[in-house]
Amino acid sequence: QVQLVESGGGLVQAGGFLRLSCAASGSSARYYAMGWFRQALGKEREFVASISWSGQTTVYADSVKDRFTISRDNTKNTVYLQMNRLKPEDTAVYYCAGGPSVGRWDYWGQGTQVTVSS
């Protein structure tokens, strides 16, 4: 069993930045692909970014490409999402997900709120 706990959300002005963290418990977590998703109020959950277990392969949604960076530190079982040049439309609850491969998300965190004011 893997548990995921997000942190780092908050309120920021447009153009600002935040770094989200996702701490994973369980020795197998370091071998999992990890991803970030978000869900804005009244909208469906959408993919933001993913990273392979080795960290060598990353994928981004077009809406965040060149602004967000996903990374991981397997010695700490932690995945990060650096979010720069934030926009009001980035406002959402951000969720961390993990699984044996990209696209197979077996585990989810509880989410962390990111609010970007204009």
C-alpha atoms as a PDB file:
ATOM      1  CA  GLN A   1       0.000   0.000   0.000  1.00  0.00           C
ATOM      2  CA  VAL A   2       1.247   3.465  -0.890  1.00  0.00           C
ATOM      3  CA  GLN A   3       0.057   6.664   0.725  1.00  0.00           C
ATOM      4  CA  LEU A   4       0.539  10.046  -0.902  1.00  0.00           C
ATOM      5  CA  VAL A   5       0.452  13.350   0.964  1.00  0.00           C
ATOM      6  CA  GLU A   6       0.552  16.662  -0.884  1.00  0.00           C
ATOM      7  CA  SER A   7       1.690  19.969   0.551  1.00  0.00           C
ATOM      8  CA  GLY A   8       2.689  23.422  -0.621  1.00  0.00           C
ATOM      9  CA  GLY A   9      -0.585  24.798  -1.889  1.00  0.00           C
ATOM     10  CA  GLY A  10      -1.777  28.275  -1.041  1.00  0.00           C
ATOM     11  CA  LEU A  11      -2.816  31.677  -2.313  1.00  0.00           C
ATOM     12  CA  VAL A  12      -0.554  33.517  -4.739  1.00  0.00           C
ATOM     13  CA  GLN A  13      -0.898  36.461  -7.087  1.00  0.00           C
ATOM     14  CA  ALA A  14      -0.881  36.006 -10.825  1.00  0.00           C
ATOM     15  CA  GLY A  15       2.684  35.803 -12.104  1.00  0.00           C
ATOM     16  CA  GLY A  16       3.888  34.277  -8.865  1.00  0.00           C
ATOM     17  CA  PHE A  17       5.132  30.804  -8.101  1.00  0.00           C
ATOM     18  CA  LEU A  18       4.537  27.845  -5.811  1.00  0.00           C
ATOM     19  CA  ARG A  19       6.172  24.475  -5.314  1.00  0.00           C
ATOM     20  CA  LEU A  20       4.011  21.511  -4.490  1.00  0.00           C
ATOM     21  CA  SER A  21       5.405  18.422  -2.819  1.00  0.00           C
ATOM     22  CA  CYS A  22       4.053  14.889  -2.696  1.00  0.00           C
ATOM     23  CA  ALA A  23       5.522  12.599  -0.090  1.00  0.00           C
ATOM     24  CA  ALA A  24       5.026   8.886  -0.725  1.00  0.00           C
ATOM     25  CA  SER A  25       5.148   6.209   1.919  1.00  0.00           C
ATOM     26  CA  GLY A  26       6.047   2.613   1.170  1.00  0.00           C
ATOM     27  CA  SER A  27       9.345   1.221  -0.091  1.00  0.00           C
ATOM     28  CA  SER A  28       7.921   0.487  -3.541  1.00  0.00           C
ATOM     29  CA  ALA A  29       6.934   4.113  -4.123  1.00  0.00           C
ATOM     30  CA  ARG A  30      10.316   5.027  -5.541  1.00  0.00           C
ATOM     31  CA  TYR A  31       9.662   2.636  -8.438  1.00  0.00           C
ATOM     32  CA  TYR A  32       6.319   4.161  -9.315  1.00  0.00           C
ATOM     33  CA  ALA A  33       5.510   6.595 -12.039  1.00  0.00           C
ATOM     34  CA  MET A  34       4.093   9.755 -10.480  1.00  0.00           C
ATOM     35  CA  GLY A  35       1.775  12.406 -11.761  1.00  0.00           C
ATOM     36  CA  TRP A  36       0.013  15.623 -10.888  1.00  0.00           C
ATOM     37  CA  PHE A  37      -3.591  16.314 -11.717  1.00  0.00           C
ATOM     38  CA  ARG A  38      -5.881  19.201 -10.914  1.00  0.00           C
ATOM     39  CA  GLN A  39      -9.570  19.832 -10.583  1.00  0.00           C
ATOM     40  CA  ALA A  40     -11.081  23.286 -10.751  1.00  0.00           C
ATOM     41  CA  LEU A  41     -14.453  24.003  -9.205  1.00  0.00           C
ATOM     42  CA  GLY A  42     -17.197  22.639 -11.426  1.00  0.00           C
ATOM     43  CA  LYS A  43     -14.782  20.989 -13.837  1.00  0.00           C
ATOM     44  CA  GLU A  44     -13.434  17.505 -14.363  1.00  0.00           C
ATOM     45  CA  ARG A  45     -10.065  16.436 -13.088  1.00  0.00           C
ATOM     46  CA  GLU A  46      -7.345  17.005 -15.673  1.00  0.00           C
ATOM     47  CA  PHE A  47      -3.806  15.819 -16.196  1.00  0.00           C
ATOM     48  CA  VAL A  48      -1.019  18.278 -15.430  1.00  0.00           C
ATOM     49  CA  ALA A  49       2.284  16.413 -15.572  1.00  0.00           C
ATOM     50  CA  SER A  50       3.865  13.008 -15.089  1.00  0.00           C
ATOM     51  CA  ILE A  51       7.313  11.602 -14.447  1.00  0.00           C
ATOM     52  CA  SER A  52       8.710   8.104 -14.861  1.00  0.00           C
ATOM     53  CA  TRP A  53      10.144   6.252 -11.890  1.00  0.00           C
ATOM     54  CA  SER A  54      13.688   7.058 -13.017  1.00  0.00           C
ATOM     55  CA  GLY A  55      12.864  10.710 -13.618  1.00  0.00           C
ATOM     56  CA  GLN A  56      14.112  10.497 -17.183  1.00  0.00           C
ATOM     57  CA  THR A  57      10.747  10.909 -18.878  1.00  0.00           C
ATOM     58  CA  THR A  58       8.387  13.778 -18.188  1.00  0.00           C
ATOM     59  CA  VAL A  59       5.143  14.754 -19.879  1.00  0.00           C
ATOM     60  CA  TYR A  60       3.191  17.983 -19.518  1.00  0.00           C
ATOM     61  CA  ALA A  61      -0.224  19.246 -20.443  1.00  0.00           C
ATOM     62  CA  ASP A  62      -0.019  21.948 -23.087  1.00  0.00           C
ATOM     63  CA  SER A  63      -1.571  24.450 -20.699  1.00  0.00           C
ATOM     64  CA  VAL A  64       1.366  24.241 -18.279  1.00  0.00           C
ATOM     65  CA  LYS A  65       4.260  23.456 -20.581  1.00  0.00           C
ATOM     66  CA  ASP A  66       7.183  25.878 -20.118  1.00  0.00           C
ATOM     67  CA  ARG A  67       5.710  27.113 -16.823  1.00  0.00           C
ATOM     68  CA  PHE A  68       5.573  24.002 -14.628  1.00  0.00           C
ATOM     69  CA  THR A  69       8.334  21.495 -13.898  1.00  0.00           C
ATOM     70  CA  ILE A  70       7.859  18.058 -12.384  1.00  0.00           C
ATOM     71  CA  SER A  71      10.769  16.393 -10.624  1.00  0.00           C
ATOM     72  CA  ARG A  72      11.420  13.715  -8.056  1.00  0.00           C
ATOM     73  CA  ASP A  73      13.894  12.784  -5.362  1.00  0.00           C
ATOM     74  CA  ASN A  74      13.768   9.026  -4.910  1.00  0.00           C
ATOM     75  CA  THR A  75      16.003   9.205  -1.843  1.00  0.00           C
ATOM     76  CA  LYS A  76      13.191  11.122  -0.167  1.00  0.00           C
ATOM     77  CA  ASN A  77      10.280   9.381  -1.927  1.00  0.00           C
ATOM     78  CA  THR A  78       9.053  12.840  -2.896  1.00  0.00           C
ATOM     79  CA  VAL A  79       7.759  14.330  -6.125  1.00  0.00           C
ATOM     80  CA  TYR A  80       7.651  18.051  -6.765  1.00  0.00           C
ATOM     81  CA  LEU A  81       5.736  20.366  -9.030  1.00  0.00           C
ATOM     82  CA  GLN A  82       7.387  23.740  -9.490  1.00  0.00           C
ATOM     83  CA  MET A  83       4.765  26.143 -10.797  1.00  0.00           C
ATOM     84  CA  ASN A  84       5.974  29.454 -12.246  1.00  0.00           C
ATOM     85  CA  ARG A  85       4.167  32.354 -13.900  1.00  0.00           C
ATOM     86  CA  LEU A  86       0.922  31.232 -12.343  1.00  0.00           C
ATOM     87  CA  LYS A  87      -2.358  32.325 -13.898  1.00  0.00           C
ATOM     88  CA  PRO A  88      -5.837  32.611 -12.383  1.00  0.00           C
ATOM     89  CA  GLU A  89      -6.886  29.657 -14.539  1.00  0.00           C
ATOM     90  CA  ASP A  90      -4.381  27.500 -12.645  1.00  0.00           C
ATOM     91  CA  THR A  91      -6.647  27.764  -9.603  1.00  0.00           C
ATOM     92  CA  ALA A  92      -7.666  24.237  -8.610  1.00  0.00           C
ATOM     93  CA  VAL A  93      -7.175  21.436  -6.152  1.00  0.00           C
ATOM     94  CA  TYR A  94      -3.979  19.676  -7.138  1.00  0.00           C
ATOM     95  CA  TYR A  95      -3.691  15.941  -6.662  1.00  0.00           C
ATOM     96  CA  CYS A  96      -0.673  13.692  -6.647  1.00  0.00           C
ATOM     97  CA  ALA A  97      -1.026  10.226  -8.174  1.00  0.00           C
ATOM     98  CA  GLY A  98       1.204   7.187  -8.346  1.00  0.00           C
ATOM     99  CA  GLY A  99       1.228   3.833 -10.044  1.00  0.00           C
ATOM    100  CA  PRO A 100       3.324   1.123 -11.672  1.00  0.00           C
ATOM    101  CA  SER A 101       3.334   2.950 -14.989  1.00  0.00           C
ATOM    102  CA  VAL A 102       2.287   6.278 -16.468  1.00  0.00           C
ATOM    103  CA  GLY A 103      -1.444   6.147 -17.036  1.00  0.00           C
ATOM    104  CA  ARG A 104      -2.084   3.530 -14.393  1.00  0.00           C
ATOM    105  CA  TRP A 105      -2.743   5.643 -11.343  1.00  0.00           C
ATOM    106  CA  ASP A 106      -3.507   3.281  -8.483  1.00  0.00           C
ATOM    107  CA  TYR A 107      -2.903   5.717  -5.652  1.00  0.00           C
ATOM    108  CA  TRP A 108      -4.082   9.272  -5.033  1.00  0.00           C
ATOM    109  CA  GLY A 109      -3.385  11.928  -2.466  1.00  0.00           C
ATOM    110  CA  GLN A 110      -6.009  14.018  -0.722  1.00  0.00           C
ATOM    111  CA  GLY A 111      -5.249  17.152  -2.725  1.00  0.00           C
ATOM    112  CA  THR A 112      -3.940  20.619  -1.966  1.00  0.00           C
ATOM    113  CA  GLN A 113      -5.654  23.882  -2.912  1.00  0.00           C
ATOM    114  CA  VAL A 114      -3.898  26.353  -5.176  1.00  0.00           C
ATOM    115  CA  THR A 115      -5.554  29.726  -5.640  1.00  0.00           C
ATOM    116  CA  VAL A 116      -4.167  32.332  -8.018  1.00  0.00           C
ATOM    117  CA  SER A 117      -5.596  35.829  -7.669  1.00  0.00           C
ATOM    118  CA  SER A 118      -5.694  38.279 -10.560  1.00  0.00           C
END
